Amino acid sequence: MLHQVPLGGSVLLIWLYGELDLDTTAPLRDAMVQVASRPGDYCRLLLDLSALTYCDNTGLFSLLGSCQALDAAGITVDIIETGSVARAAINRAGLWHRLPLRAP
């Protein structure tokens, strides 16, 4: 579901793979809560969604809520890669302007 890679300089990369839906949002939410609970460790979170094989609205709206919570905690979140599956799901959900996307 996810792999965390500290990049140094208070930056953490979370690479998501497989499915992002109702049954799989808990590990992502837990990882993001952990980041928020330790703001001295990380000030920026990069998300890579390029390896998702399935993504539904539940997963996307959970991701959106987590991104907004981290932003409120002063942690910058950027989605740096989407991939075709996540891109199609984001289009269907109409979230292009609400998620912190940096990907083309």
PDB file of N, CA and C in Angstrom:
ATOM      1  N   MET A   1       0.802  -1.192   0.000  1.00  0.00           N
ATOM      2  CA  MET A   1       0.000   0.000   0.000  1.00  0.00           C
ATOM      3  C   MET A   1       0.848   1.260   0.000  1.00  0.00           C
ATOM      4  N   LEU A   2       1.879   1.348   0.896  1.00  0.00           N
ATOM      5  CA  LEU A   2       2.719   2.538   0.880  1.00  0.00           C
ATOM      6  C   LEU A   2       4.118   2.225   1.373  1.00  0.00           C
ATOM      7  N   HIS A   3       5.019   3.067   0.915  1.00  0.00           N
ATOM      8  CA  HIS A   3       6.415   2.959   1.321  1.00  0.00           C
ATOM      9  C   HIS A   3       6.875   4.372   1.647  1.00  0.00           C
ATOM     10  N   GLN A   4       7.518   4.546   2.813  1.00  0.00           N
ATOM     11  CA  GLN A   4       7.985   5.859   3.243  1.00  0.00           C
ATOM     12  C   GLN A   4       9.490   5.969   3.050  1.00  0.00           C
ATOM     13  N   VAL A   5       9.923   7.098   2.473  1.00  0.00           N
ATOM     14  CA  VAL A   5      11.342   7.328   2.231  1.00  0.00           C
ATOM     15  C   VAL A   5      11.715   8.720   2.738  1.00  0.00           C
ATOM     16  N   PRO A   6      12.449   8.810   3.859  1.00  0.00           N
ATOM     17  CA  PRO A   6      12.939  10.120   4.296  1.00  0.00           C
ATOM     18  C   PRO A   6      13.974  10.623   3.289  1.00  0.00           C
ATOM     19  N   LEU A   7      13.803  11.856   2.816  1.00  0.00           N
ATOM     20  CA  LEU A   7      14.702  12.404   1.800  1.00  0.00           C
ATOM     21  C   LEU A   7      15.719  13.374   2.377  1.00  0.00           C
ATOM     22  N   GLY A   8      15.691  13.597   3.665  1.00  0.00           N
ATOM     23  CA  GLY A   8      16.598  14.560   4.282  1.00  0.00           C
ATOM     24  C   GLY A   8      16.012  15.960   4.208  1.00  0.00           C
ATOM     25  N   GLY A   9      16.558  16.859   4.984  1.00  0.00           N
ATOM     26  CA  GLY A   9      16.070  18.231   4.970  1.00  0.00           C
ATOM     27  C   GLY A   9      14.619  18.351   5.394  1.00  0.00           C
ATOM     28  N   SER A  10      14.162  17.515   6.301  1.00  0.00           N
ATOM     29  CA  SER A  10      12.789  17.531   6.816  1.00  0.00           C
ATOM     30  C   SER A  10      11.733  17.207   5.766  1.00  0.00           C
ATOM     31  N   VAL A  11      12.121  16.409   4.752  1.00  0.00           N
ATOM     32  CA  VAL A  11      11.204  16.020   3.679  1.00  0.00           C
ATOM     33  C   VAL A  11      10.997  14.507   3.723  1.00  0.00           C
ATOM     34  N   LEU A  12       9.733  14.093   3.610  1.00  0.00           N
ATOM     35  CA  LEU A  12       9.383  12.679   3.565  1.00  0.00           C
ATOM     36  C   LEU A  12       8.624  12.405   2.273  1.00  0.00           C
ATOM     37  N   LEU A  13       8.989  11.325   1.600  1.00  0.00           N
ATOM     38  CA  LEU A  13       8.269  10.857   0.414  1.00  0.00           C
ATOM     39  C   LEU A  13       7.435   9.649   0.813  1.00  0.00           C
ATOM     40  N   ILE A  14       6.154   9.680   0.466  1.00  0.00           N
ATOM     41  CA  ILE A  14       5.305   8.497   0.620  1.00  0.00           C
ATOM     42  C   ILE A  14       4.894   8.065  -0.773  1.00  0.00           C
ATOM     43  N   TRP A  15       5.279   6.851  -1.111  1.00  0.00           N
ATOM     44  CA  TRP A  15       4.987   6.256  -2.417  1.00  0.00           C
ATOM     45  C   TRP A  15       3.859   5.254  -2.217  1.00  0.00           C
ATOM     46  N   LEU A  16       2.717   5.518  -2.872  1.00  0.00           N
ATOM     47  CA  LEU A  16       1.562   4.636  -2.756  1.00  0.00           C
ATOM     48  C   LEU A  16       1.531   3.671  -3.923  1.00  0.00           C
ATOM     49  N   TYR A  17       1.183   2.423  -3.638  1.00  0.00           N
ATOM     50  CA  TYR A  17       1.075   1.428  -4.698  1.00  0.00           C
ATOM     51  C   TYR A  17      -0.128   0.525  -4.417  1.00  0.00           C
ATOM     52  N   GLY A  18      -0.614  -0.130  -5.453  1.00  0.00           N
ATOM     53  CA  GLY A  18      -1.768  -1.012  -5.286  1.00  0.00           C
ATOM     54  C   GLY A  18      -3.059  -0.214  -5.318  1.00  0.00           C
ATOM     55  N   GLU A  19      -3.940  -0.488  -4.363  1.00  0.00           N
ATOM     56  CA  GLU A  19      -5.274   0.121  -4.351  1.00  0.00           C
ATOM     57  C   GLU A  19      -5.390   1.197  -3.273  1.00  0.00           C
ATOM     58  N   LEU A  20      -6.169   2.232  -3.599  1.00  0.00           N
ATOM     59  CA  LEU A  20      -6.510   3.266  -2.634  1.00  0.00           C
ATOM     60  C   LEU A  20      -8.029   3.383  -2.640  1.00  0.00           C
ATOM     61  N   ASP A  21      -8.635   2.771  -1.625  1.00  0.00           N
ATOM     62  CA  ASP A  21     -10.098   2.748  -1.523  1.00  0.00           C
ATOM     63  C   ASP A  21     -10.492   2.625  -0.052  1.00  0.00           C
ATOM     64  N   LEU A  22     -11.756   2.387   0.216  1.00  0.00           N
ATOM     65  CA  LEU A  22     -12.254   2.308   1.587  1.00  0.00           C
ATOM     66  C   LEU A  22     -11.462   1.307   2.432  1.00  0.00           C
ATOM     67  N   ASP A  23     -11.102   0.181   1.848  1.00  0.00           N
ATOM     68  CA  ASP A  23     -10.413  -0.871   2.598  1.00  0.00           C
ATOM     69  C   ASP A  23      -8.934  -0.589   2.830  1.00  0.00           C
ATOM     70  N   THR A  24      -8.363   0.386   2.125  1.00  0.00           N
ATOM     71  CA  THR A  24      -6.912   0.586   2.206  1.00  0.00           C
ATOM     72  C   THR A  24      -6.498   1.990   2.638  1.00  0.00           C
ATOM     73  N   THR A  25      -7.437   2.832   3.031  1.00  0.00           N
ATOM     74  CA  THR A  25      -7.060   4.200   3.406  1.00  0.00           C
ATOM     75  C   THR A  25      -6.424   4.293   4.791  1.00  0.00           C
ATOM     76  N   ALA A  26      -6.667   3.331   5.659  1.00  0.00           N
ATOM     77  CA  ALA A  26      -6.157   3.409   7.035  1.00  0.00           C
ATOM     78  C   ALA A  26      -4.631   3.536   7.109  1.00  0.00           C
ATOM     79  N   PRO A  27      -3.843   2.738   6.381  1.00  0.00           N
ATOM     80  CA  PRO A  27      -2.385   2.903   6.477  1.00  0.00           C
ATOM     81  C   PRO A  27      -1.908   4.291   6.025  1.00  0.00           C
ATOM     82  N   LEU A  28      -2.527   4.825   4.980  1.00  0.00           N
ATOM     83  CA  LEU A  28      -2.154   6.172   4.525  1.00  0.00           C
ATOM     84  C   LEU A  28      -2.516   7.202   5.581  1.00  0.00           C
ATOM     85  N   ARG A  29      -3.724   7.130   6.095  1.00  0.00           N
ATOM     86  CA  ARG A  29      -4.166   8.056   7.134  1.00  0.00           C
ATOM     87  C   ARG A  29      -3.248   7.960   8.359  1.00  0.00           C
ATOM     88  N   ASP A  30      -2.902   6.748   8.769  1.00  0.00           N
ATOM     89  CA  ASP A  30      -2.014   6.562   9.923  1.00  0.00           C
ATOM     90  C   ASP A  30      -0.637   7.169   9.678  1.00  0.00           C
ATOM     91  N   ALA A  31      -0.101   6.987   8.475  1.00  0.00           N
ATOM     92  CA  ALA A  31       1.210   7.550   8.138  1.00  0.00           C
ATOM     93  C   ALA A  31       1.165   9.072   8.168  1.00  0.00           C
ATOM     94  N   MET A  32       0.076   9.644   7.668  1.00  0.00           N
ATOM     95  CA  MET A  32      -0.030  11.094   7.643  1.00  0.00           C
ATOM     96  C   MET A  32      -0.265  11.661   9.039  1.00  0.00           C
ATOM     97  N   VAL A  33      -0.993  10.933   9.883  1.00  0.00           N
ATOM     98  CA  VAL A  33      -1.171  11.350  11.279  1.00  0.00           C
ATOM     99  C   VAL A  33       0.179  11.325  11.993  1.00  0.00           C
ATOM    100  N   GLN A  34       0.981  10.330  11.711  1.00  0.00           N
ATOM    101  CA  GLN A  34       2.312  10.240  12.316  1.00  0.00           C
ATOM    102  C   GLN A  34       3.172  11.437  11.915  1.00  0.00           C
ATOM    103  N   VAL A  35       3.104  11.832  10.650  1.00  0.00           N
ATOM    104  CA  VAL A  35       3.846  13.010  10.187  1.00  0.00           C
ATOM    105  C   VAL A  35       3.350  14.254  10.918  1.00  0.00           C
ATOM    106  N   ALA A  36       2.036  14.404  11.018  1.00  0.00           N
ATOM    107  CA  ALA A  36       1.461  15.580  11.674  1.00  0.00           C
ATOM    108  C   ALA A  36       1.801  15.634  13.158  1.00  0.00           C
ATOM    109  N   SER A  37       1.941  14.484  13.783  1.00  0.00           N
ATOM    110  CA  SER A  37       2.216  14.451  15.220  1.00  0.00           C
ATOM    111  C   SER A  37       3.680  14.732  15.547  1.00  0.00           C
ATOM    112  N   ARG A  38       4.520  14.788  14.507  1.00  0.00           N
ATOM    113  CA  ARG A  38       5.942  15.064  14.705  1.00  0.00           C
ATOM    114  C   ARG A  38       6.402  16.181  13.764  1.00  0.00           C
ATOM    115  N   PRO A  39       5.830  17.389  13.917  1.00  0.00           N
ATOM    116  CA  PRO A  39       6.139  18.470  12.975  1.00  0.00           C
ATOM    117  C   PRO A  39       7.604  18.901  12.991  1.00  0.00           C
ATOM    118  N   GLY A  40       8.318  18.619  14.058  1.00  0.00           N
ATOM    119  CA  GLY A  40       9.744  18.947  14.095  1.00  0.00           C
ATOM    120  C   GLY A  40      10.571  18.054  13.193  1.00  0.00           C
ATOM    121  N   ASP A  41      10.053  16.868  12.876  1.00  0.00           N
ATOM    122  CA  ASP A  41      10.783  15.931  12.019  1.00  0.00           C
ATOM    123  C   ASP A  41      10.611  16.253  10.537  1.00  0.00           C
ATOM    124  N   TYR A  42       9.394  16.604  10.139  1.00  0.00           N
ATOM    125  CA  TYR A  42       9.108  16.852   8.719  1.00  0.00           C
ATOM    126  C   TYR A  42       8.314  18.138   8.551  1.00  0.00           C
ATOM    127  N   CYS A  43       8.722  18.936   7.578  1.00  0.00           N
ATOM    128  CA  CYS A  43       7.964  20.145   7.250  1.00  0.00           C
ATOM    129  C   CYS A  43       7.373  20.041   5.844  1.00  0.00           C
ATOM    130  N   ARG A  44       7.734  18.981   5.121  1.00  0.00           N
ATOM    131  CA  ARG A  44       7.214  18.793   3.763  1.00  0.00           C
ATOM    132  C   ARG A  44       7.002  17.310   3.496  1.00  0.00           C
ATOM    133  N   LEU A  45       5.861  17.006   2.872  1.00  0.00           N
ATOM    134  CA  LEU A  45       5.514  15.635   2.508  1.00  0.00           C
ATOM    135  C   LEU A  45       5.267  15.584   1.013  1.00  0.00           C
ATOM    136  N   LEU A  46       5.958  14.677   0.333  1.00  0.00           N
ATOM    137  CA  LEU A  46       5.765  14.454  -1.095  1.00  0.00           C
ATOM    138  C   LEU A  46       5.024  13.138  -1.258  1.00  0.00           C
ATOM    139  N   LEU A  47       4.002  13.139  -2.113  1.00  0.00           N
ATOM    140  CA  LEU A  47       3.222  11.926  -2.376  1.00  0.00           C
ATOM    141  C   LEU A  47       3.389  11.521  -3.831  1.00  0.00           C
ATOM    142  N   ASP A  48       3.651  10.248  -4.043  1.00  0.00           N
ATOM    143  CA  ASP A  48       3.760   9.690  -5.395  1.00  0.00           C
ATOM    144  C   ASP A  48       2.646   8.660  -5.545  1.00  0.00           C
ATOM    145  N   LEU A  49       1.700   8.954  -6.433  1.00  0.00           N
ATOM    146  CA  LEU A  49       0.547   8.079  -6.662  1.00  0.00           C
ATOM    147  C   LEU A  49       0.694   7.271  -7.947  1.00  0.00           C
ATOM    148  N   SER A  50       1.855   7.297  -8.564  1.00  0.00           N
ATOM    149  CA  SER A  50       2.032   6.726  -9.903  1.00  0.00           C
ATOM    150  C   SER A  50       1.888   5.204  -9.968  1.00  0.00           C
ATOM    151  N   ALA A  51       2.021   4.506  -8.846  1.00  0.00           N
ATOM    152  CA  ALA A  51       1.936   3.048  -8.862  1.00  0.00           C
ATOM    153  C   ALA A  51       0.581   2.525  -8.385  1.00  0.00           C
ATOM    154  N   LEU A  52      -0.400   3.414  -8.263  1.00  0.00           N
ATOM    155  CA  LEU A  52      -1.739   2.942  -7.889  1.00  0.00           C
ATOM    156  C   LEU A  52      -2.349   2.157  -9.046  1.00  0.00           C
ATOM    157  N   THR A  53      -2.956   1.021  -8.713  1.00  0.00           N
ATOM    158  CA  THR A  53      -3.628   0.204  -9.721  1.00  0.00           C
ATOM    159  C   THR A  53      -5.138   0.376  -9.670  1.00  0.00           C
ATOM    160  N   TYR A  54      -5.628   0.979  -8.575  1.00  0.00           N
ATOM    161  CA  TYR A  54      -7.059   1.259  -8.420  1.00  0.00           C
ATOM    162  C   TYR A  54      -7.192   2.408  -7.438  1.00  0.00           C
ATOM    163  N   CYS A  55      -8.118   3.310  -7.710  1.00  0.00           N
ATOM    164  CA  CYS A  55      -8.333   4.455  -6.837  1.00  0.00           C
ATOM    165  C   CYS A  55      -9.779   4.896  -6.984  1.00  0.00           C
ATOM    166  N   ASP A  56     -10.513   4.975  -5.862  1.00  0.00           N
ATOM    167  CA  ASP A  56     -11.910   5.409  -5.936  1.00  0.00           C
ATOM    168  C   ASP A  56     -12.092   6.714  -5.161  1.00  0.00           C
ATOM    169  N   ASN A  57     -13.326   7.220  -5.166  1.00  0.00           N
ATOM    170  CA  ASN A  57     -13.609   8.490  -4.505  1.00  0.00           C
ATOM    171  C   ASN A  57     -13.331   8.445  -3.012  1.00  0.00           C
ATOM    172  N   THR A  58     -13.615   7.325  -2.376  1.00  0.00           N
ATOM    173  CA  THR A  58     -13.350   7.210  -0.940  1.00  0.00           C
ATOM    174  C   THR A  58     -11.871   7.434  -0.657  1.00  0.00           C
ATOM    175  N   GLY A  59     -11.027   6.795  -1.432  1.00  0.00           N
ATOM    176  CA  GLY A  59      -9.586   6.961  -1.263  1.00  0.00           C
ATOM    177  C   GLY A  59      -9.148   8.391  -1.519  1.00  0.00           C
ATOM    178  N   LEU A  60      -9.678   8.997  -2.575  1.00  0.00           N
ATOM    179  CA  LEU A  60      -9.297  10.368  -2.913  1.00  0.00           C
ATOM    180  C   LEU A  60      -9.751  11.377  -1.869  1.00  0.00           C
ATOM    181  N   PHE A  61     -10.982  11.235  -1.393  1.00  0.00           N
ATOM    182  CA  PHE A  61     -11.467  12.195  -0.403  1.00  0.00           C
ATOM    183  C   PHE A  61     -10.784  11.997   0.947  1.00  0.00           C
ATOM    184  N   SER A  62     -10.395  10.786   1.276  1.00  0.00           N
ATOM    185  CA  SER A  62      -9.589  10.547   2.469  1.00  0.00           C
ATOM    186  C   SER A  62      -8.228  11.222   2.317  1.00  0.00           C
ATOM    187  N   LEU A  63      -7.639  11.089   1.135  1.00  0.00           N
ATOM    188  CA  LEU A  63      -6.363  11.739   0.837  1.00  0.00           C
ATOM    189  C   LEU A  63      -6.509  13.256   0.942  1.00  0.00           C
ATOM    190  N   LEU A  64      -7.569  13.803   0.379  1.00  0.00           N
ATOM    191  CA  LEU A  64      -7.815  15.245   0.440  1.00  0.00           C
ATOM    192  C   LEU A  64      -7.910  15.723   1.883  1.00  0.00           C
ATOM    193  N   GLY A  65      -8.677  15.017   2.703  1.00  0.00           N
ATOM    194  CA  GLY A  65      -8.812  15.405   4.110  1.00  0.00           C
ATOM    195  C   GLY A  65      -7.483  15.368   4.843  1.00  0.00           C
ATOM    196  N   SER A  66      -6.682  14.352   4.571  1.00  0.00           N
ATOM    197  CA  SER A  66      -5.365  14.243   5.211  1.00  0.00           C
ATOM    198  C   SER A  66      -4.449  15.374   4.766  1.00  0.00           C
ATOM    199  N   CYS A  67      -4.488  15.696   3.473  1.00  0.00           N
ATOM    200  CA  CYS A  67      -3.666  16.796   2.955  1.00  0.00           C
ATOM    201  C   CYS A  67      -4.065  18.118   3.597  1.00  0.00           C
ATOM    202  N   GLN A  68      -5.360  18.351   3.748  1.00  0.00           N
ATOM    203  CA  GLN A  68      -5.839  19.586   4.369  1.00  0.00           C
ATOM    204  C   GLN A  68      -5.444  19.654   5.837  1.00  0.00           C
ATOM    205  N   ALA A  69      -5.499  18.523   6.537  1.00  0.00           N
ATOM    206  CA  ALA A  69      -5.109  18.496   7.948  1.00  0.00           C
ATOM    207  C   ALA A  69      -3.618  18.793   8.106  1.00  0.00           C
ATOM    208  N   LEU A  70      -2.792  18.220   7.246  1.00  0.00           N
ATOM    209  CA  LEU A  70      -1.357  18.487   7.316  1.00  0.00           C
ATOM    210  C   LEU A  70      -1.068  19.954   7.001  1.00  0.00           C
ATOM    211  N   ASP A  71      -1.757  20.492   6.017  1.00  0.00           N
ATOM    212  CA  ASP A  71      -1.590  21.901   5.672  1.00  0.00           C
ATOM    213  C   ASP A  71      -1.934  22.782   6.874  1.00  0.00           C
ATOM    214  N   ALA A  72      -3.013  22.457   7.565  1.00  0.00           N
ATOM    215  CA  ALA A  72      -3.411  23.219   8.750  1.00  0.00           C
ATOM    216  C   ALA A  72      -2.372  23.110   9.867  1.00  0.00           C
ATOM    217  N   ALA A  73      -1.631  21.993   9.876  1.00  0.00           N
ATOM    218  CA  ALA A  73      -0.580  21.786  10.878  1.00  0.00           C
ATOM    219  C   ALA A  73       0.745  22.420  10.463  1.00  0.00           C
ATOM    220  N   GLY A  74       0.752  23.075   9.288  1.00  0.00           N
ATOM    221  CA  GLY A  74       1.959  23.752   8.827  1.00  0.00           C
ATOM    222  C   GLY A  74       2.912  22.875   8.046  1.00  0.00           C
ATOM    223  N   ILE A  75       2.431  21.736   7.578  1.00  0.00           N
ATOM    224  CA  ILE A  75       3.268  20.822   6.795  1.00  0.00           C
ATOM    225  C   ILE A  75       2.822  20.896   5.340  1.00  0.00           C
ATOM    226  N   THR A  76       3.750  21.240   4.465  1.00  0.00           N
ATOM    227  CA  THR A  76       3.462  21.363   3.041  1.00  0.00           C
ATOM    228  C   THR A  76       3.340  19.987   2.423  1.00  0.00           C
ATOM    229  N   VAL A  77       2.291  19.775   1.650  1.00  0.00           N
ATOM    230  CA  VAL A  77       2.073  18.507   0.959  1.00  0.00           C
ATOM    231  C   VAL A  77       2.033  18.775  -0.534  1.00  0.00           C
ATOM    232  N   ASP A  78       2.780  17.985  -1.291  1.00  0.00           N
ATOM    233  CA  ASP A  78       2.759  18.056  -2.751  1.00  0.00           C
ATOM    234  C   ASP A  78       2.590  16.656  -3.314  1.00  0.00           C
ATOM    235  N   ILE A  79       1.641  16.502  -4.221  1.00  0.00           N
ATOM    236  CA  ILE A  79       1.518  15.258  -4.976  1.00  0.00           C
ATOM    237  C   ILE A  79       2.396  15.440  -6.204  1.00  0.00           C
ATOM    238  N   ILE A  80       3.505  14.710  -6.247  1.00  0.00           N
ATOM    239  CA  ILE A  80       4.505  14.953  -7.284  1.00  0.00           C
ATOM    240  C   ILE A  80       4.324  14.081  -8.519  1.00  0.00           C
ATOM    241  N   GLU A  81       3.630  12.959  -8.390  1.00  0.00           N
ATOM    242  CA  GLU A  81       3.345  12.072  -9.519  1.00  0.00           C
ATOM    243  C   GLU A  81       1.954  11.504  -9.342  1.00  0.00           C
ATOM    244  N   THR A  82       1.227  11.328 -10.463  1.00  0.00           N
ATOM    245  CA  THR A  82      -0.109  10.751 -10.353  1.00  0.00           C
ATOM    246  C   THR A  82      -0.228   9.405 -11.051  1.00  0.00           C
ATOM    247  N   GLY A  83       0.272   9.246 -12.251  1.00  0.00           N
ATOM    248  CA  GLY A  83       0.051   8.014 -12.999  1.00  0.00           C
ATOM    249  C   GLY A  83      -1.342   8.018 -13.596  1.00  0.00           C
ATOM    250  N   SER A  84      -1.582   7.122 -14.522  1.00  0.00           N
ATOM    251  CA  SER A  84      -2.844   7.135 -15.269  1.00  0.00           C
ATOM    252  C   SER A  84      -4.058   6.778 -14.418  1.00  0.00           C
ATOM    253  N   VAL A  85      -3.915   5.842 -13.489  1.00  0.00           N
ATOM    254  CA  VAL A  85      -5.055   5.426 -12.657  1.00  0.00           C
ATOM    255  C   VAL A  85      -5.492   6.570 -11.740  1.00  0.00           C
ATOM    256  N   ALA A  86      -4.550   7.154 -11.019  1.00  0.00           N
ATOM    257  CA  ALA A  86      -4.887   8.258 -10.118  1.00  0.00           C
ATOM    258  C   ALA A  86      -5.389   9.465 -10.905  1.00  0.00           C
ATOM    259  N   ARG A  87      -4.757   9.750 -12.029  1.00  0.00           N
ATOM    260  CA  ARG A  87      -5.171  10.888 -12.860  1.00  0.00           C
ATOM    261  C   ARG A  87      -6.627  10.742 -13.308  1.00  0.00           C
ATOM    262  N   ALA A  88      -7.007   9.547 -13.768  1.00  0.00           N
ATOM    263  CA  ALA A  88      -8.389   9.295 -14.197  1.00  0.00           C
ATOM    264  C   ALA A  88      -9.360   9.438 -13.024  1.00  0.00           C
ATOM    265  N   ALA A  89      -8.987   8.923 -11.857  1.00  0.00           N
ATOM    266  CA  ALA A  89      -9.854   9.021 -10.674  1.00  0.00           C
ATOM    267  C   ALA A  89     -10.010  10.469 -10.229  1.00  0.00           C
ATOM    268  N   ILE A  90      -8.928  11.229 -10.259  1.00  0.00           N
ATOM    269  CA  ILE A  90      -8.985  12.643  -9.882  1.00  0.00           C
ATOM    270  C   ILE A  90      -9.887  13.408 -10.852  1.00  0.00           C
ATOM    271  N   ASN A  91      -9.793  13.079 -12.131  1.00  0.00           N
ATOM    272  CA  ASN A  91     -10.680  13.697 -13.131  1.00  0.00           C
ATOM    273  C   ASN A  91     -12.144  13.374 -12.839  1.00  0.00           C
ATOM    274  N   ARG A  92     -12.441  12.098 -12.606  1.00  0.00           N
ATOM    275  CA  ARG A  92     -13.825  11.678 -12.328  1.00  0.00           C
ATOM    276  C   ARG A  92     -14.389  12.380 -11.098  1.00  0.00           C
ATOM    277  N   ALA A  93     -13.553  12.544 -10.082  1.00  0.00           N
ATOM    278  CA  ALA A  93     -14.001  13.156  -8.827  1.00  0.00           C
ATOM    279  C   ALA A  93     -13.994  14.684  -8.883  1.00  0.00           C
ATOM    280  N   GLY A  94     -13.383  15.255  -9.911  1.00  0.00           N
ATOM    281  CA  GLY A  94     -13.316  16.710 -10.027  1.00  0.00           C
ATOM    282  C   GLY A  94     -12.438  17.365  -8.975  1.00  0.00           C
ATOM    283  N   LEU A  95     -11.338  16.711  -8.610  1.00  0.00           N
ATOM    284  CA  LEU A  95     -10.489  17.203  -7.525  1.00  0.00           C
ATOM    285  C   LEU A  95      -9.189  17.855  -7.994  1.00  0.00           C
ATOM    286  N   TRP A  96      -9.049  18.134  -9.278  1.00  0.00           N
ATOM    287  CA  TRP A  96      -7.792  18.712  -9.768  1.00  0.00           C
ATOM    288  C   TRP A  96      -7.415  19.992  -9.043  1.00  0.00           C
ATOM    289  N   HIS A  97      -8.372  20.799  -8.692  1.00  0.00           N
ATOM    290  CA  HIS A  97      -8.054  22.091  -8.073  1.00  0.00           C
ATOM    291  C   HIS A  97      -8.095  22.049  -6.550  1.00  0.00           C
ATOM    292  N   ARG A  98      -8.429  20.903  -5.992  1.00  0.00           N
ATOM    293  CA  ARG A  98      -8.497  20.804  -4.530  1.00  0.00           C
ATOM    294  C   ARG A  98      -7.335  20.023  -3.934  1.00  0.00           C
ATOM    295  N   LEU A  99      -6.745  19.136  -4.707  1.00  0.00           N
ATOM    296  CA  LEU A  99      -5.590  18.376  -4.221  1.00  0.00           C
ATOM    297  C   LEU A  99      -4.308  19.159  -4.527  1.00  0.00           C
ATOM    298  N   PRO A 100      -3.275  18.996  -3.696  1.00  0.00           N
ATOM    299  CA  PRO A 100      -2.017  19.737  -3.909  1.00  0.00           C
ATOM    300  C   PRO A 100      -1.145  19.068  -4.994  1.00  0.00           C
ATOM    301  N   LEU A 101      -1.589  19.197  -6.235  1.00  0.00           N
ATOM    302  CA  LEU A 101      -0.918  18.525  -7.348  1.00  0.00           C
ATOM    303  C   LEU A 101       0.221  19.365  -7.918  1.00  0.00           C
ATOM    304  N   ARG A 102       1.351  18.715  -8.098  1.00  0.00           N
ATOM    305  CA  ARG A 102       2.475  19.319  -8.794  1.00  0.00           C
ATOM    306  C   ARG A 102       2.767  18.563 -10.066  1.00  0.00           C
ATOM    307  N   ALA A 103       2.059  17.448 -10.240  1.00  0.00           N
ATOM    308  CA  ALA A 103       2.321  16.580 -11.401  1.00  0.00           C
ATOM    309  C   ALA A 103       1.667  17.164 -12.649  1.00  0.00           C
ATOM    310  N   PRO A 104       2.263  16.879 -13.814  1.00  0.00           N
ATOM    311  CA  PRO A 104       1.676  17.366 -15.066  1.00  0.00           C
ATOM    312  C   PRO A 104       0.351  16.708 -15.374  1.00  0.00           C
TER     313      PRO A 104
END
